Amino acid sequence: MGLGKLFLTSISTGIITQDELVWVTRNQLNFSRCEQAKAIKLGQLIDSGELQLGCRI
């Protein structure tokens, strides 16, 4: 899994799973500057309610 694919999937579905959030937090020290910006954006989208924590069917 890559952060770019995770970001696009989350944006298109409006959902991010708990496992995906765990993956982001475990790998954040290895992110490039661009990936760090995407991770911050994911957090902002969750905070604003545009992304929901849930599961995809």
Protein backbone atom coordinates (compact mmCIF):
# COMPACT_ATOMS: atom_id res chain seq x y z
CA MET A 1 0.00 0.00 0.00
CA GLY A 2 1.18 3.49 -0.74
CA LEU A 3 0.01 6.77 0.69
CA GLY A 4 -0.88 8.12 -2.74
CA LYS A 5 -3.24 5.24 -3.46
CA LEU A 6 -4.68 5.43 0.05
CA PHE A 7 -5.26 9.17 -0.34
CA LEU A 8 -7.03 8.80 -3.68
CA THR A 9 -9.17 5.89 -2.47
CA SER A 10 -10.18 7.77 0.65
CA ILE A 11 -11.05 10.91 -1.28
CA SER A 12 -13.10 9.02 -3.85
CA THR A 13 -15.07 6.97 -1.29
CA GLY A 14 -15.19 9.49 1.56
CA ILE A 15 -14.10 6.74 3.96
CA ILE A 16 -10.83 5.79 5.62
CA THR A 17 -10.56 2.59 7.64
CA GLN A 18 -8.98 2.19 11.05
CA ASP A 19 -6.39 -0.19 9.59
CA GLU A 20 -5.41 2.46 7.04
CA LEU A 21 -5.00 5.06 9.79
CA VAL A 22 -2.83 2.64 11.74
CA TRP A 23 -0.69 2.10 8.63
CA VAL A 24 -0.28 5.87 8.17
CA THR A 25 0.82 6.39 11.78
CA ARG A 26 3.25 3.47 11.71
CA ASN A 27 4.91 4.61 8.49
CA GLN A 28 4.86 8.39 8.88
CA LEU A 29 8.55 8.62 9.78
CA ASN A 30 9.43 7.20 6.34
CA PHE A 31 7.22 9.57 4.32
CA SER A 32 8.64 12.00 1.81
CA ARG A 33 7.71 15.66 2.15
CA CYS A 34 4.92 15.21 -0.40
CA GLU A 35 3.55 12.20 1.47
CA GLN A 36 3.66 14.15 4.73
CA ALA A 37 1.52 16.84 3.11
CA LYS A 38 -1.00 14.20 2.00
CA ALA A 39 -1.14 12.72 5.51
CA ILE A 40 -1.79 16.15 6.98
CA LYS A 41 -4.53 16.72 4.40
CA LEU A 42 -6.13 13.39 5.35
CA GLY A 43 -6.17 14.54 8.98
CA GLN A 44 -7.75 17.86 8.03
CA LEU A 45 -10.43 16.09 5.99
CA ILE A 46 -11.24 13.83 8.94
CA ASP A 47 -11.39 16.83 11.29
CA SER A 48 -13.72 18.72 8.95
CA GLY A 49 -16.04 15.74 8.55
CA GLU A 50 -15.39 15.31 4.83
CA LEU A 51 -13.76 11.92 5.47
CA GLN A 52 -15.46 9.38 7.71
CA LEU A 53 -13.85 6.63 9.74
CA GLY A 54 -15.51 3.39 8.70
CA CYS A 55 -15.29 0.37 6.46
CA ARG A 56 -15.62 -0.18 2.73
CA ILE A 57 -17.77 -2.99 1.41
